[in-house]
C-alpha cells in the first residue's frame, strides 16, 4: 500500500511537473510568436521604407536640380536686367547727343540764314 501511495504521489508530482512544463512551453511559444510577429512587422516596415527610398531620393535630387535651375535662371535674369539698364543708359546718352546735335544744326541754319 505504501508503494502504491508513493507511486501515485510520484505520478501526480510528475503530472504537475509536466503541466508546469507545458504551461511554460506554451508561454514561451506565445512569446516567440509575438516576437516573430513583431519582427515581421518591423521587417515589413523597413521594406516599405526601402521601397520608397528611391522615390524620396529621386524627389530630393529633382528638387535640388530645380533649385539649381532656378538659381541659374535668377542669375541670368539679373545679368540681363543689368545689361538692359546699361543699354538704356547708353540710349539716353545717345538721345541727349542727338537732341544737342539737332539744336546745334538748327542754330547753325538760323545763323546761316541771318548771314545770307
N, C-alpha and C. Protein backbone atom coordinates (compact mmCIF):
# COMPACT_ATOMS: atom_id res chain seq x y z
N UNK A 1 0.82 -1.20 0.00
CA UNK A 1 0.00 0.00 0.00
C UNK A 1 0.86 1.26 0.00
N UNK A 2 1.95 1.21 0.76
CA UNK A 2 2.85 2.38 0.81
C UNK A 2 3.49 2.57 -0.55
N UNK A 3 3.84 1.46 -1.18
CA UNK A 3 4.47 1.55 -2.50
C UNK A 3 3.49 2.12 -3.51
N UNK A 4 2.20 1.70 -3.40
CA UNK A 4 1.18 2.24 -4.31
C UNK A 4 0.99 3.72 -4.07
N UNK A 5 1.00 4.14 -2.80
CA UNK A 5 0.84 5.54 -2.45
C UNK A 5 2.01 6.36 -2.98
N UNK A 6 3.24 5.82 -2.82
CA UNK A 6 4.43 6.51 -3.32
C UNK A 6 4.37 6.62 -4.85
N UNK A 7 3.94 5.56 -5.51
CA UNK A 7 3.86 5.56 -6.97
C UNK A 7 2.80 6.56 -7.44
N UNK A 8 1.65 6.61 -6.75
CA UNK A 8 0.58 7.53 -7.12
C UNK A 8 1.04 8.96 -6.90
N UNK A 9 1.74 9.20 -5.78
CA UNK A 9 2.25 10.55 -5.49
C UNK A 9 3.29 10.94 -6.54
N UNK A 10 4.13 9.96 -6.89
CA UNK A 10 5.17 10.22 -7.89
C UNK A 10 4.54 10.55 -9.25
N UNK A 11 3.47 9.82 -9.62
CA UNK A 11 2.78 10.08 -10.88
C UNK A 11 2.13 11.45 -10.84
N UNK A 12 1.49 11.77 -9.69
CA UNK A 12 0.82 13.06 -9.56
C UNK A 12 1.84 14.20 -9.65
N UNK A 13 3.00 14.03 -8.96
CA UNK A 13 4.05 15.05 -9.00
C UNK A 13 4.57 15.21 -10.41
N UNK A 14 4.75 14.08 -11.10
CA UNK A 14 5.24 14.13 -12.47
C UNK A 14 4.21 14.81 -13.36
N UNK A 15 2.92 14.53 -13.18
CA UNK A 15 1.87 15.20 -13.96
C UNK A 15 1.87 16.71 -13.71
N UNK A 16 2.06 17.09 -12.44
CA UNK A 16 2.12 18.51 -12.09
C UNK A 16 3.33 19.15 -12.77
N UNK A 17 4.46 18.45 -12.69
CA UNK A 17 5.67 18.99 -13.32
C UNK A 17 5.49 19.10 -14.84
N UNK A 18 4.82 18.10 -15.44
CA UNK A 18 4.55 18.15 -16.88
C UNK A 18 3.60 19.30 -17.21
N UNK A 19 2.60 19.51 -16.35
CA UNK A 19 1.66 20.61 -16.56
C UNK A 19 2.37 21.95 -16.50
N UNK A 20 3.25 22.10 -15.51
CA UNK A 20 4.00 23.35 -15.38
C UNK A 20 4.93 23.51 -16.59
N UNK A 21 5.58 22.42 -16.98
CA UNK A 21 6.48 22.47 -18.14
C UNK A 21 5.69 22.82 -19.40
N UNK A 22 4.53 22.21 -19.58
CA UNK A 22 3.69 22.52 -20.75
C UNK A 22 3.24 23.99 -20.72
N UNK A 23 2.87 24.47 -19.54
CA UNK A 23 2.45 25.85 -19.41
C UNK A 23 3.61 26.78 -19.77
N UNK A 24 4.81 26.48 -19.28
CA UNK A 24 5.99 27.29 -19.61
C UNK A 24 6.30 27.22 -21.10
N UNK A 25 6.12 26.03 -21.69
CA UNK A 25 6.36 25.89 -23.14
C UNK A 25 5.34 26.71 -23.92
N UNK A 26 4.07 26.64 -23.48
CA UNK A 26 3.02 27.43 -24.16
C UNK A 26 3.34 28.92 -24.07
N UNK A 27 3.75 29.38 -22.88
CA UNK A 27 4.10 30.79 -22.71
C UNK A 27 5.29 31.16 -23.59
N UNK A 28 6.30 30.30 -23.64
CA UNK A 28 7.48 30.56 -24.46
C UNK A 28 7.09 30.60 -25.94
N UNK A 29 6.20 29.68 -26.34
CA UNK A 29 5.74 29.67 -27.74
C UNK A 29 4.98 30.94 -28.05
N UNK A 30 4.11 31.35 -27.13
CA UNK A 30 3.35 32.59 -27.32
C UNK A 30 4.32 33.78 -27.44
N UNK A 31 5.29 33.85 -26.53
CA UNK A 31 6.27 34.95 -26.57
C UNK A 31 7.06 34.92 -27.87
N UNK A 32 7.46 33.72 -28.30
CA UNK A 32 8.22 33.60 -29.55
C UNK A 32 7.36 34.05 -30.73
N UNK A 33 6.09 33.62 -30.75
CA UNK A 33 5.18 34.02 -31.83
C UNK A 33 4.98 35.54 -31.84
N UNK A 34 4.84 36.11 -30.64
CA UNK A 34 4.70 37.56 -30.56
C UNK A 34 5.96 38.25 -31.10
N UNK A 35 7.13 37.74 -30.69
CA UNK A 35 8.40 38.31 -31.19
C UNK A 35 8.50 38.17 -32.70
N UNK A 36 8.08 37.02 -33.23
CA UNK A 36 8.13 36.80 -34.67
C UNK A 36 7.21 37.78 -35.38
N UNK A 37 5.98 37.95 -34.84
CA UNK A 37 5.05 38.91 -35.45
C UNK A 37 5.61 40.32 -35.38
N UNK A 38 6.18 40.66 -34.25
CA UNK A 38 6.75 41.99 -34.08
C UNK A 38 7.91 42.20 -35.05
N UNK A 39 8.77 41.21 -35.16
CA UNK A 39 9.90 41.32 -36.09
C UNK A 39 9.40 41.35 -37.54
N UNK A 40 8.36 40.58 -37.81
CA UNK A 40 7.79 40.57 -39.16
C UNK A 40 7.24 41.95 -39.50
N UNK A 41 6.55 42.57 -38.54
CA UNK A 41 6.02 43.92 -38.75
C UNK A 41 7.16 44.91 -39.01
N UNK A 42 8.20 44.82 -38.17
CA UNK A 42 9.35 45.72 -38.34
C UNK A 42 10.02 45.50 -39.70
N UNK A 43 10.10 44.24 -40.11
CA UNK A 43 10.70 43.92 -41.40
C UNK A 43 9.87 44.51 -42.54
N UNK A 44 8.54 44.35 -42.46
CA UNK A 44 7.66 44.93 -43.49
C UNK A 44 7.79 46.44 -43.53
N UNK A 45 7.86 47.05 -42.36
CA UNK A 45 8.01 48.50 -42.27
C UNK A 45 9.33 48.93 -42.92
N UNK A 46 10.39 48.21 -42.61
CA UNK A 46 11.71 48.53 -43.19
C UNK A 46 11.68 48.34 -44.70
N UNK A 47 11.03 47.26 -45.16
CA UNK A 47 10.93 47.04 -46.61
C UNK A 47 10.18 48.19 -47.28
N UNK A 48 9.11 48.63 -46.65
CA UNK A 48 8.35 49.75 -47.20
C UNK A 48 9.20 51.00 -47.29
N UNK A 49 10.00 51.25 -46.25
CA UNK A 49 10.88 52.41 -46.28
C UNK A 49 11.94 52.26 -47.36
N UNK A 50 12.46 51.06 -47.51
CA UNK A 50 13.48 50.81 -48.54
C UNK A 50 12.87 50.99 -49.92
N UNK A 51 11.64 50.49 -50.11
CA UNK A 51 10.99 50.61 -51.42
C UNK A 51 10.70 52.06 -51.77
N UNK A 52 10.34 52.87 -50.78
CA UNK A 52 10.04 54.27 -51.07
C UNK A 52 11.30 55.13 -51.10
N UNK A 53 12.40 54.61 -50.61
CA UNK A 53 13.64 55.39 -50.56
C UNK A 53 14.05 55.91 -51.94
N UNK A 54 14.06 55.08 -52.99
CA UNK A 54 14.46 55.62 -54.30
C UNK A 54 13.58 56.78 -54.74
N UNK A 55 12.27 56.71 -54.44
CA UNK A 55 11.37 57.79 -54.82
C UNK A 55 11.69 59.05 -54.03
N UNK A 56 11.96 58.87 -52.73
CA UNK A 56 12.31 60.02 -51.90
C UNK A 56 13.61 60.63 -52.39
N UNK A 57 14.61 59.78 -52.65
CA UNK A 57 15.89 60.30 -53.13
C UNK A 57 15.73 60.98 -54.48
N UNK A 58 14.96 60.36 -55.37
CA UNK A 58 14.73 60.95 -56.69
C UNK A 58 14.05 62.31 -56.54
N UNK A 59 13.06 62.36 -55.65
CA UNK A 59 12.35 63.63 -55.43
C UNK A 59 13.31 64.69 -54.88
N UNK A 60 14.19 64.30 -53.95
CA UNK A 60 15.15 65.25 -53.41
C UNK A 60 16.12 65.72 -54.48
N UNK A 61 16.60 64.78 -55.31
CA UNK A 61 17.53 65.14 -56.38
C UNK A 61 16.84 66.07 -57.39
N UNK A 62 15.60 65.74 -57.74
CA UNK A 62 14.86 66.59 -58.68
C UNK A 62 14.63 67.98 -58.10
N UNK A 63 14.32 68.03 -56.81
CA UNK A 63 14.10 69.33 -56.17
C UNK A 63 15.40 70.13 -56.15
N UNK A 64 16.52 69.47 -55.84
CA UNK A 64 17.81 70.16 -55.87
C UNK A 64 18.12 70.67 -57.27
N UNK A 65 17.82 69.85 -58.29
CA UNK A 65 18.07 70.27 -59.68
C UNK A 65 17.20 71.47 -60.03
N UNK A 66 15.92 71.43 -59.61
CA UNK A 66 15.03 72.58 -59.87
C UNK A 66 15.55 73.83 -59.18
N UNK A 67 16.00 73.66 -57.94
CA UNK A 67 16.52 74.82 -57.21
C UNK A 67 17.76 75.38 -57.90
N UNK A 68 18.65 74.48 -58.37
CA UNK A 68 19.84 74.95 -59.08
C UNK A 68 19.44 75.66 -60.37
N UNK A 69 18.46 75.09 -61.07
CA UNK A 69 17.99 75.72 -62.31
C UNK A 69 17.39 77.09 -62.03
N UNK A 70 16.61 77.19 -60.95
CA UNK A 70 16.01 78.48 -60.59
C UNK A 70 17.10 79.49 -60.23
N UNK A 71 18.12 79.03 -59.51
CA UNK A 71 19.22 79.94 -59.18
C UNK A 71 19.92 80.42 -60.44
N UNK A 72 20.14 79.50 -61.38
CA UNK A 72 20.78 79.87 -62.64
C UNK A 72 19.91 80.86 -63.41
N UNK A 73 18.61 80.57 -63.49
CA UNK A 73 17.70 81.48 -64.19
C UNK A 73 17.66 82.84 -63.52
N UNK A 74 17.66 82.87 -62.21
CA UNK A 74 17.65 84.13 -61.47
C UNK A 74 18.93 84.92 -61.78
N UNK A 75 20.06 84.22 -61.77
CA UNK A 75 21.34 84.86 -62.08
C UNK A 75 21.34 85.41 -63.50
N UNK A 76 20.85 84.61 -64.45
CA UNK A 76 20.78 85.07 -65.84
C UNK A 76 19.83 86.26 -65.96
N UNK A 77 18.73 86.22 -65.24
CA UNK A 77 17.77 87.31 -65.26
C UNK A 77 18.41 88.60 -64.74
N UNK A 78 19.16 88.49 -63.65
CA UNK A 78 19.81 89.67 -63.10
C UNK A 78 20.84 90.22 -64.09
N UNK A 79 21.60 89.32 -64.73
CA UNK A 79 22.59 89.76 -65.72
C UNK A 79 21.89 90.50 -66.85
N UNK A 80 20.79 89.91 -67.36
CA UNK A 80 20.06 90.55 -68.46
C UNK A 80 19.47 91.89 -68.00
N UNK A 81 18.99 91.96 -66.77
CA UNK A 81 18.44 93.22 -66.24
C UNK A 81 19.52 94.29 -66.22
N UNK A 82 20.72 93.92 -65.75
CA UNK A 82 21.83 94.88 -65.74
C UNK A 82 22.20 95.28 -67.16
N UNK A 83 22.21 94.31 -68.07
CA UNK A 83 22.53 94.58 -69.47
C UNK A 83 21.51 95.56 -70.06
N UNK A 84 20.24 95.34 -69.77
CA UNK A 84 19.18 96.22 -70.27
C UNK A 84 19.34 97.62 -69.69
N UNK A 85 19.61 97.71 -68.39
CA UNK A 85 19.79 99.02 -67.75
C UNK A 85 20.99 99.76 -68.36
N UNK A 86 22.06 99.01 -68.63
CA UNK A 86 23.24 99.64 -69.26
C UNK A 86 22.89 100.15 -70.65
N UNK A 87 22.18 99.35 -71.42
CA UNK A 87 21.77 99.76 -72.78
C UNK A 87 20.83 100.96 -72.72
N UNK A 88 19.92 100.98 -71.75
CA UNK A 88 19.00 102.11 -71.62
C UNK A 88 19.77 103.39 -71.30
N UNK A 89 20.79 103.27 -70.43
CA UNK A 89 21.61 104.44 -70.11
C UNK A 89 22.35 104.93 -71.35
N UNK A 90 22.88 103.98 -72.14
CA UNK A 90 23.57 104.36 -73.37
C UNK A 90 22.60 105.03 -74.36
N UNK A 91 21.39 104.49 -74.47
CA UNK A 91 20.38 105.09 -75.35
C UNK A 91 20.01 106.50 -74.88
N UNK A 92 19.91 106.68 -73.58
CA UNK A 92 19.60 108.01 -73.05
C UNK A 92 20.70 108.99 -73.42
N UNK A 93 21.95 108.56 -73.31
CA UNK A 93 23.08 109.42 -73.70
C UNK A 93 23.00 109.75 -75.19
N UNK A 94 22.72 108.73 -76.00
CA UNK A 94 22.60 108.96 -77.45
C UNK A 94 21.44 109.91 -77.76
N UNK A 95 20.31 109.74 -77.08
CA UNK A 95 19.18 110.65 -77.27
C UNK A 95 19.59 112.08 -76.94
N UNK A 96 20.32 112.27 -75.86
CA UNK A 96 20.78 113.61 -75.46
C UNK A 96 21.72 114.18 -76.52
N UNK A 97 22.64 113.32 -77.01
CA UNK A 97 23.59 113.77 -78.05
C UNK A 97 22.83 114.16 -79.31
N UNK A 98 21.85 113.35 -79.72
CA UNK A 98 21.05 113.65 -80.92
C UNK A 98 20.28 114.96 -80.72
N UNK A 99 19.72 115.14 -79.54
CA UNK A 99 18.96 116.37 -79.25
C UNK A 99 19.88 117.59 -79.33
N UNK A 100 21.08 117.49 -78.74
CA UNK A 100 22.03 118.60 -78.78
C UNK A 100 22.49 118.87 -80.22
N UNK A 101 22.75 117.79 -80.98
CA UNK A 101 23.18 117.96 -82.38
C UNK A 101 22.08 118.62 -83.20
N UNK A 102 20.82 118.22 -82.96
CA UNK A 102 19.69 118.82 -83.67
C UNK A 102 19.59 120.31 -83.34
N UNK A 103 19.74 120.67 -82.05
CA UNK A 103 19.72 122.09 -81.65
C UNK A 103 20.86 122.85 -82.31
N UNK A 104 22.03 122.23 -82.31
CA UNK A 104 23.19 122.88 -82.92
C UNK A 104 22.97 123.10 -84.40
N UNK A 105 22.42 122.10 -85.10
CA UNK A 105 22.13 122.26 -86.54
C UNK A 105 21.11 123.37 -86.76
N UNK A 106 20.10 123.41 -85.91
CA UNK A 106 19.06 124.45 -86.04
C UNK A 106 19.68 125.82 -85.84
N UNK A 107 20.56 125.92 -84.84
CA UNK A 107 21.23 127.20 -84.59
C UNK A 107 22.13 127.58 -85.77
N UNK A 108 22.84 126.59 -86.32
CA UNK A 108 23.72 126.87 -87.47
C UNK A 108 22.90 127.30 -88.69
N UNK A 109 21.76 126.68 -88.91
CA UNK A 109 20.90 127.06 -90.04
C UNK A 109 20.40 128.50 -89.84
N UNK A 110 19.97 128.74 -88.61
CA UNK A 110 19.46 130.09 -88.32
C UNK A 110 20.56 131.12 -88.52
N UNK A 111 21.78 130.82 -88.09
CA UNK A 111 22.90 131.73 -88.27
C UNK A 111 23.25 131.89 -89.75
N UNK A 112 23.18 130.78 -90.49
CA UNK A 112 23.48 130.85 -91.93
C UNK A 112 22.43 131.66 -92.65
N UNK A 113 21.18 131.56 -92.25
CA UNK A 113 20.11 132.32 -92.88
C UNK A 113 20.26 133.82 -92.57
N UNK A 114 20.68 134.12 -91.32
CA UNK A 114 20.88 135.53 -90.95
C UNK A 114 22.03 136.14 -91.75
N UNK A 115 23.06 135.34 -91.97
CA UNK A 115 24.24 135.84 -92.69
C UNK A 115 23.94 135.94 -94.20
N UNK A 116 23.02 135.19 -94.66
CA UNK A 116 22.75 135.18 -96.10
C UNK A 116 21.85 136.29 -96.54
